[in-house]
Amino acid sequence: RAFSLWPERLAPYGHPEPEPGFTEQMELLGSDVRNAIESCELRVGDLRYFLVEVGRWKMPRQVIPHTEHVDRNTDAAIRRAFESLAYRSEDRARIEACVGLYGFGKGTGQTRMASAMLRFLWPDEYGVVDWRNWAVLTNCEHPFLSASLLPSMGTKRGQLRDALFDVEAFLTYLAVLRGIGRELPLPRVADVDL
């Protein structure tokens, strides 16, 4: 139904690399970083590269501002965030570790970028919180579902674009994605999200 309503909007969103190739590259990079986290072999240069690439994937038209935000993080702050991810498996703790970095929510409380980071580190468990998906799951402006699966954060798409997707909103979103995943034959939360 979405394709019949907006076929032009379902094309790739202007990523510099062809989709889905860039997403596949990011999944490989995320796997490498996850392995480094699990083996405690963290190299800050590699972690910075990962953070910049997550931004390039999530916001392809805002790479330079995102890179500047990532550069504001000290090496110690990046190491601390990833070390926290190594020892935490609870959703809230992982999200808060990511949100503690500039460019990923520090100072804003926004979890959009943190969700993208987690999606590439643990695609089985995480999806990317996004106002477009939230619109579909709340029937914002168009009835896609017989009942909304998420609480409304606005009745217009513009309100959703500007909404604060904080830690609580991301946790709520994850619960819905995981619930859908139990109903569908999709193995990963990232696949449900897509």
C-alpha atoms as a PDB file:
ATOM      1  CA  ARG A   1       0.000   0.000   0.000  1.00  0.00           C
ATOM      2  CA  ALA A   2       2.812   2.423   0.826  1.00  0.00           C
ATOM      3  CA  PHE A   3       4.362   1.849  -2.590  1.00  0.00           C
ATOM      4  CA  SER A   4       1.081   2.673  -4.340  1.00  0.00           C
ATOM      5  CA  LEU A   5       0.751   5.895  -2.296  1.00  0.00           C
ATOM      6  CA  TRP A   6       4.364   7.137  -2.614  1.00  0.00           C
ATOM      7  CA  PRO A   7       6.399   5.123  -5.150  1.00  0.00           C
ATOM      8  CA  GLU A   8       8.929   7.951  -5.535  1.00  0.00           C
ATOM      9  CA  ARG A   9       9.573   8.055  -1.781  1.00  0.00           C
ATOM     10  CA  LEU A  10      10.501   4.404  -1.517  1.00  0.00           C
ATOM     11  CA  ALA A  11      13.582   4.803  -3.699  1.00  0.00           C
ATOM     12  CA  PRO A  12      16.938   5.064  -1.857  1.00  0.00           C
ATOM     13  CA  TYR A  13      17.256   8.356   0.032  1.00  0.00           C
ATOM     14  CA  GLY A  14      20.222   9.713  -1.890  1.00  0.00           C
ATOM     15  CA  HIS A  15      22.944   7.606  -0.273  1.00  0.00           C
ATOM     16  CA  PRO A  16      26.324   8.227  -1.904  1.00  0.00           C
ATOM     17  CA  GLU A  17      26.756   4.478  -2.312  1.00  0.00           C
ATOM     18  CA  PRO A  18      24.140   2.324  -4.022  1.00  0.00           C
ATOM     19  CA  GLU A  19      21.752   0.621  -1.634  1.00  0.00           C
ATOM     20  CA  PRO A  20      21.691  -2.103  -0.393  1.00  0.00           C
ATOM     21  CA  GLY A  21      25.440  -2.411  -0.914  1.00  0.00           C
ATOM     22  CA  PHE A  22      26.283   0.315   1.585  1.00  0.00           C
ATOM     23  CA  THR A  23      24.070  -1.296   4.229  1.00  0.00           C
ATOM     24  CA  GLU A  24      25.821  -4.620   3.646  1.00  0.00           C
ATOM     25  CA  GLN A  25      29.221  -2.916   4.024  1.00  0.00           C
ATOM     26  CA  MET A  26      28.030  -1.317   7.248  1.00  0.00           C
ATOM     27  CA  GLU A  27      26.878  -4.701   8.556  1.00  0.00           C
ATOM     28  CA  LEU A  28      30.373  -6.099   7.942  1.00  0.00           C
ATOM     29  CA  LEU A  29      31.960  -3.079   9.626  1.00  0.00           C
ATOM     30  CA  GLY A  30      29.548  -3.417  12.554  1.00  0.00           C
ATOM     31  CA  SER A  31      30.459  -7.083  12.891  1.00  0.00           C
ATOM     32  CA  ASP A  32      34.170  -6.199  12.988  1.00  0.00           C
ATOM     33  CA  VAL A  33      33.560  -3.571  15.672  1.00  0.00           C
ATOM     34  CA  ARG A  34      31.345  -5.955  17.671  1.00  0.00           C
ATOM     35  CA  ASN A  35      34.138  -8.555  17.583  1.00  0.00           C
ATOM     36  CA  ALA A  36      36.614  -5.918  18.800  1.00  0.00           C
ATOM     37  CA  ILE A  37      34.208  -4.984  21.599  1.00  0.00           C
ATOM     38  CA  GLU A  38      33.776  -8.609  22.652  1.00  0.00           C
ATOM     39  CA  SER A  39      37.515  -9.302  22.580  1.00  0.00           C
ATOM     40  CA  CYS A  40      38.314  -5.957  24.282  1.00  0.00           C
ATOM     41  CA  GLU A  41      40.660  -5.042  21.418  1.00  0.00           C
ATOM     42  CA  LEU A  42      39.347  -1.518  20.950  1.00  0.00           C
ATOM     43  CA  ARG A  43      41.342   0.850  18.737  1.00  0.00           C
ATOM     44  CA  VAL A  44      39.948   4.367  18.968  1.00  0.00           C
ATOM     45  CA  GLY A  45      40.783   5.178  15.336  1.00  0.00           C
ATOM     46  CA  ASP A  46      38.676   2.230  14.158  1.00  0.00           C
ATOM     47  CA  LEU A  47      35.856   3.238  16.503  1.00  0.00           C
ATOM     48  CA  ARG A  48      35.898   6.829  15.217  1.00  0.00           C
ATOM     49  CA  TYR A  49      35.742   5.533  11.656  1.00  0.00           C
ATOM     50  CA  PHE A  50      32.737   3.382  12.561  1.00  0.00           C
ATOM     51  CA  LEU A  51      30.973   6.363  14.194  1.00  0.00           C
ATOM     52  CA  VAL A  52      31.517   8.533  11.105  1.00  0.00           C
ATOM     53  CA  GLU A  53      30.306   5.777   8.789  1.00  0.00           C
ATOM     54  CA  VAL A  54      27.147   5.266  10.876  1.00  0.00           C
ATOM     55  CA  GLY A  55      26.453   8.963  10.347  1.00  0.00           C
ATOM     56  CA  ARG A  56      27.109   8.685   6.631  1.00  0.00           C
ATOM     57  CA  TRP A  57      24.613   5.807   6.461  1.00  0.00           C
ATOM     58  CA  LYS A  58      21.934   7.477   8.607  1.00  0.00           C
ATOM     59  CA  MET A  59      22.309  11.053   7.323  1.00  0.00           C
ATOM     60  CA  PRO A  60      24.069  10.978   3.928  1.00  0.00           C
ATOM     61  CA  ARG A  61      23.426  14.667   3.270  1.00  0.00           C
ATOM     62  CA  GLN A  62      24.847  15.780   6.642  1.00  0.00           C
ATOM     63  CA  VAL A  63      28.151  13.910   6.763  1.00  0.00           C
ATOM     64  CA  ILE A  64      30.348  16.942   7.465  1.00  0.00           C
ATOM     65  CA  PRO A  65      28.312  18.236  10.443  1.00  0.00           C
ATOM     66  CA  HIS A  66      28.087  14.698  11.828  1.00  0.00           C
ATOM     67  CA  THR A  67      31.846  14.174  11.453  1.00  0.00           C
ATOM     68  CA  GLU A  68      32.423  17.441  13.322  1.00  0.00           C
ATOM     69  CA  HIS A  69      30.203  16.168  16.155  1.00  0.00           C
ATOM     70  CA  VAL A  70      32.116  12.869  16.287  1.00  0.00           C
ATOM     71  CA  ASP A  71      35.392  14.828  16.424  1.00  0.00           C
ATOM     72  CA  ARG A  72      34.185  16.582  19.597  1.00  0.00           C
ATOM     73  CA  ASN A  73      34.399  13.254  21.456  1.00  0.00           C
ATOM     74  CA  THR A  74      37.667  12.635  23.241  1.00  0.00           C
ATOM     75  CA  ASP A  75      39.438   9.340  22.740  1.00  0.00           C
ATOM     76  CA  ALA A  76      38.677   8.537  26.380  1.00  0.00           C
ATOM     77  CA  ALA A  77      34.947   9.195  25.904  1.00  0.00           C
ATOM     78  CA  ILE A  78      34.798   6.936  22.850  1.00  0.00           C
ATOM     79  CA  ARG A  79      36.737   4.185  24.602  1.00  0.00           C
ATOM     80  CA  ARG A  80      34.476   4.493  27.670  1.00  0.00           C
ATOM     81  CA  ALA A  81      31.300   4.241  25.568  1.00  0.00           C
ATOM     82  CA  PHE A  82      32.472   1.139  23.720  1.00  0.00           C
ATOM     83  CA  GLU A  83      33.844  -0.476  26.885  1.00  0.00           C
ATOM     84  CA  SER A  84      30.416   0.058  28.429  1.00  0.00           C
ATOM     85  CA  LEU A  85      28.866  -1.712  25.437  1.00  0.00           C
ATOM     86  CA  ALA A  86      31.264  -4.610  26.006  1.00  0.00           C
ATOM     87  CA  TYR A  87      29.978  -5.207  29.527  1.00  0.00           C
ATOM     88  CA  ARG A  88      26.290  -4.392  29.097  1.00  0.00           C
ATOM     89  CA  SER A  89      23.580  -6.409  27.432  1.00  0.00           C
ATOM     90  CA  GLU A  90      20.556  -4.482  28.748  1.00  0.00           C
ATOM     91  CA  ASP A  91      18.908  -2.257  26.149  1.00  0.00           C
ATOM     92  CA  ARG A  92      18.746   0.852  28.326  1.00  0.00           C
ATOM     93  CA  ALA A  93      22.430   0.640  29.303  1.00  0.00           C
ATOM     94  CA  ARG A  94      23.521   0.147  25.701  1.00  0.00           C
ATOM     95  CA  ILE A  95      21.388   3.042  24.476  1.00  0.00           C
ATOM     96  CA  GLU A  96      22.653   5.332  27.225  1.00  0.00           C
ATOM     97  CA  ALA A  97      26.267   4.417  26.420  1.00  0.00           C
ATOM     98  CA  CYS A  98      25.704   5.474  22.799  1.00  0.00           C
ATOM     99  CA  VAL A  99      23.728   8.602  23.695  1.00  0.00           C
ATOM    100  CA  GLY A 100      26.677   9.729  25.816  1.00  0.00           C
ATOM    101  CA  LEU A 101      28.644  10.534  22.651  1.00  0.00           C
ATOM    102  CA  TYR A 102      28.471  13.778  20.670  1.00  0.00           C
ATOM    103  CA  GLY A 103      26.702  13.115  17.392  1.00  0.00           C
ATOM    104  CA  PHE A 104      24.755  10.252  18.965  1.00  0.00           C
ATOM    105  CA  GLY A 105      22.575  12.108  21.450  1.00  0.00           C
ATOM    106  CA  LYS A 106      24.840  13.897  23.928  1.00  0.00           C
ATOM    107  CA  GLY A 107      23.228  17.201  24.750  1.00  0.00           C
ATOM    108  CA  THR A 108      20.035  16.442  22.825  1.00  0.00           C
ATOM    109  CA  GLY A 109      18.724  13.173  24.253  1.00  0.00           C
ATOM    110  CA  GLN A 110      17.858  12.144  20.693  1.00  0.00           C
ATOM    111  CA  THR A 111      18.403   8.419  20.016  1.00  0.00           C
ATOM    112  CA  ARG A 112      18.132   8.325  16.223  1.00  0.00           C
ATOM    113  CA  MET A 113      21.887   8.050  15.652  1.00  0.00           C
ATOM    114  CA  ALA A 114      22.409   5.819  18.686  1.00  0.00           C
ATOM    115  CA  SER A 115      19.808   3.447  17.271  1.00  0.00           C
ATOM    116  CA  ALA A 116      21.703   3.271  13.963  1.00  0.00           C
ATOM    117  CA  MET A 117      24.910   2.511  15.850  1.00  0.00           C
ATOM    118  CA  LEU A 118      23.264  -0.326  17.770  1.00  0.00           C
ATOM    119  CA  ARG A 119      21.551  -1.635  14.634  1.00  0.00           C
ATOM    120  CA  PHE A 120      24.935  -2.267  13.011  1.00  0.00           C
ATOM    121  CA  LEU A 121      26.530  -3.684  16.134  1.00  0.00           C
ATOM    122  CA  TRP A 122      23.666  -6.057  17.000  1.00  0.00           C
ATOM    123  CA  PRO A 123      21.263  -6.332  14.014  1.00  0.00           C
ATOM    124  CA  ASP A 124      19.531  -9.326  15.604  1.00  0.00           C
ATOM    125  CA  GLU A 125      18.387  -7.097  18.472  1.00  0.00           C
ATOM    126  CA  TYR A 126      18.061  -3.516  17.188  1.00  0.00           C
ATOM    127  CA  GLY A 127      16.429  -1.435  14.486  1.00  0.00           C
ATOM    128  CA  VAL A 128      16.783   2.262  13.682  1.00  0.00           C
ATOM    129  CA  VAL A 129      14.207   4.572  15.235  1.00  0.00           C
ATOM    130  CA  ASP A 130      12.938   6.812  12.476  1.00  0.00           C
ATOM    131  CA  TRP A 131      10.029   9.225  12.160  1.00  0.00           C
ATOM    132  CA  ARG A 132       8.909   7.599   8.882  1.00  0.00           C
ATOM    133  CA  ASN A 133       8.518   4.177  10.468  1.00  0.00           C
ATOM    134  CA  TRP A 134       6.895   5.754  13.514  1.00  0.00           C
ATOM    135  CA  ALA A 135       4.377   7.408  11.144  1.00  0.00           C
ATOM    136  CA  VAL A 136       3.442   4.063   9.625  1.00  0.00           C
ATOM    137  CA  LEU A 137       3.172   2.319  12.988  1.00  0.00           C
ATOM    138  CA  THR A 138       0.924   5.077  14.402  1.00  0.00           C
ATOM    139  CA  ASN A 139      -1.211   5.523  11.264  1.00  0.00           C
ATOM    140  CA  CYS A 140      -0.067   9.160  11.063  1.00  0.00           C
ATOM    141  CA  GLU A 141      -1.929  10.800   8.165  1.00  0.00           C
ATOM    142  CA  HIS A 142      -2.723   7.427   6.508  1.00  0.00           C
ATOM    143  CA  PRO A 143      -4.308   4.273   7.976  1.00  0.00           C
ATOM    144  CA  PHE A 144      -1.817   1.473   7.341  1.00  0.00           C
ATOM    145  CA  LEU A 145      -2.828  -0.729  10.266  1.00  0.00           C
ATOM    146  CA  SER A 146      -6.142  -1.630  11.843  1.00  0.00           C
ATOM    147  CA  ALA A 147      -4.823  -0.149  15.123  1.00  0.00           C
ATOM    148  CA  SER A 148      -1.795   1.962  16.008  1.00  0.00           C
ATOM    149  CA  LEU A 149       1.131  -0.021  17.395  1.00  0.00           C
ATOM    150  CA  LEU A 150       2.919   3.013  18.869  1.00  0.00           C
ATOM    151  CA  PRO A 151       1.742   6.037  20.818  1.00  0.00           C
ATOM    152  CA  SER A 152       1.181   9.167  18.762  1.00  0.00           C
ATOM    153  CA  MET A 153       3.937  11.775  18.791  1.00  0.00           C
ATOM    154  CA  GLY A 154       1.987  14.023  16.426  1.00  0.00           C
ATOM    155  CA  THR A 155      -0.761  13.850  13.854  1.00  0.00           C
ATOM    156  CA  LYS A 156       1.306  15.294  11.013  1.00  0.00           C
ATOM    157  CA  ARG A 157       4.545  14.044   9.505  1.00  0.00           C
ATOM    158  CA  GLY A 158       6.229  17.393  10.202  1.00  0.00           C
ATOM    159  CA  GLN A 159       5.549  16.956  13.904  1.00  0.00           C
ATOM    160  CA  LEU A 160       7.155  13.517  13.795  1.00  0.00           C
ATOM    161  CA  ARG A 161      10.222  14.804  11.943  1.00  0.00           C
ATOM    162  CA  ASP A 162      10.831  17.224  14.808  1.00  0.00           C
ATOM    163  CA  ALA A 163       9.862  14.859  17.644  1.00  0.00           C
ATOM    164  CA  LEU A 164      12.277  13.857  20.378  1.00  0.00           C
ATOM    165  CA  PHE A 165      12.911  10.129  20.124  1.00  0.00           C
ATOM    166  CA  ASP A 166      14.418   9.761  23.575  1.00  0.00           C
ATOM    167  CA  VAL A 167      15.488   6.577  25.351  1.00  0.00           C
ATOM    168  CA  GLU A 168      11.915   5.735  26.390  1.00  0.00           C
ATOM    169  CA  ALA A 169      10.602   6.221  22.844  1.00  0.00           C
ATOM    170  CA  PHE A 170      13.377   4.023  21.441  1.00  0.00           C
ATOM    171  CA  LEU A 171      12.644   1.283  23.980  1.00  0.00           C
ATOM    172  CA  THR A 172       8.944   1.442  23.049  1.00  0.00           C
ATOM    173  CA  TYR A 173       9.840   1.253  19.358  1.00  0.00           C
ATOM    174  CA  LEU A 174      12.110  -1.739  19.960  1.00  0.00           C
ATOM    175  CA  ALA A 175       9.351  -3.581  21.815  1.00  0.00           C
ATOM    176  CA  VAL A 176       7.017  -3.109  18.842  1.00  0.00           C
ATOM    177  CA  LEU A 177       9.652  -4.234  16.322  1.00  0.00           C
ATOM    178  CA  ARG A 178      10.456  -7.303  18.385  1.00  0.00           C
ATOM    179  CA  GLY A 179       6.752  -8.103  18.693  1.00  0.00           C
ATOM    180  CA  ILE A 180       6.296  -7.858  14.927  1.00  0.00           C
ATOM    181  CA  GLY A 181       9.372 -10.059  14.498  1.00  0.00           C
ATOM    182  CA  ARG A 182       7.757 -12.785  16.580  1.00  0.00           C
ATOM    183  CA  GLU A 183       4.745 -12.711  14.235  1.00  0.00           C
ATOM    184  CA  LEU A 184       6.690 -12.680  10.969  1.00  0.00           C
ATOM    185  CA  PRO A 185       9.302 -15.033   9.589  1.00  0.00           C
ATOM    186  CA  LEU A 186      12.065 -12.423   9.904  1.00  0.00           C
ATOM    187  CA  PRO A 187      15.151 -13.488  11.858  1.00  0.00           C
ATOM    188  CA  ARG A 188      16.483 -10.080  12.937  1.00  0.00           C
ATOM    189  CA  VAL A 189      14.989  -6.916  14.382  1.00  0.00           C
ATOM    190  CA  ALA A 190      16.927  -4.962  11.729  1.00  0.00           C
ATOM    191  CA  ASP A 191      14.997  -6.900   9.065  1.00  0.00           C
ATOM    192  CA  VAL A 192      11.666  -6.037  10.708  1.00  0.00           C
ATOM    193  CA  ASP A 193      12.741  -2.389  10.769  1.00  0.00           C
ATOM    194  CA  LEU A 194      13.632  -2.404   7.072  1.00  0.00           C
END
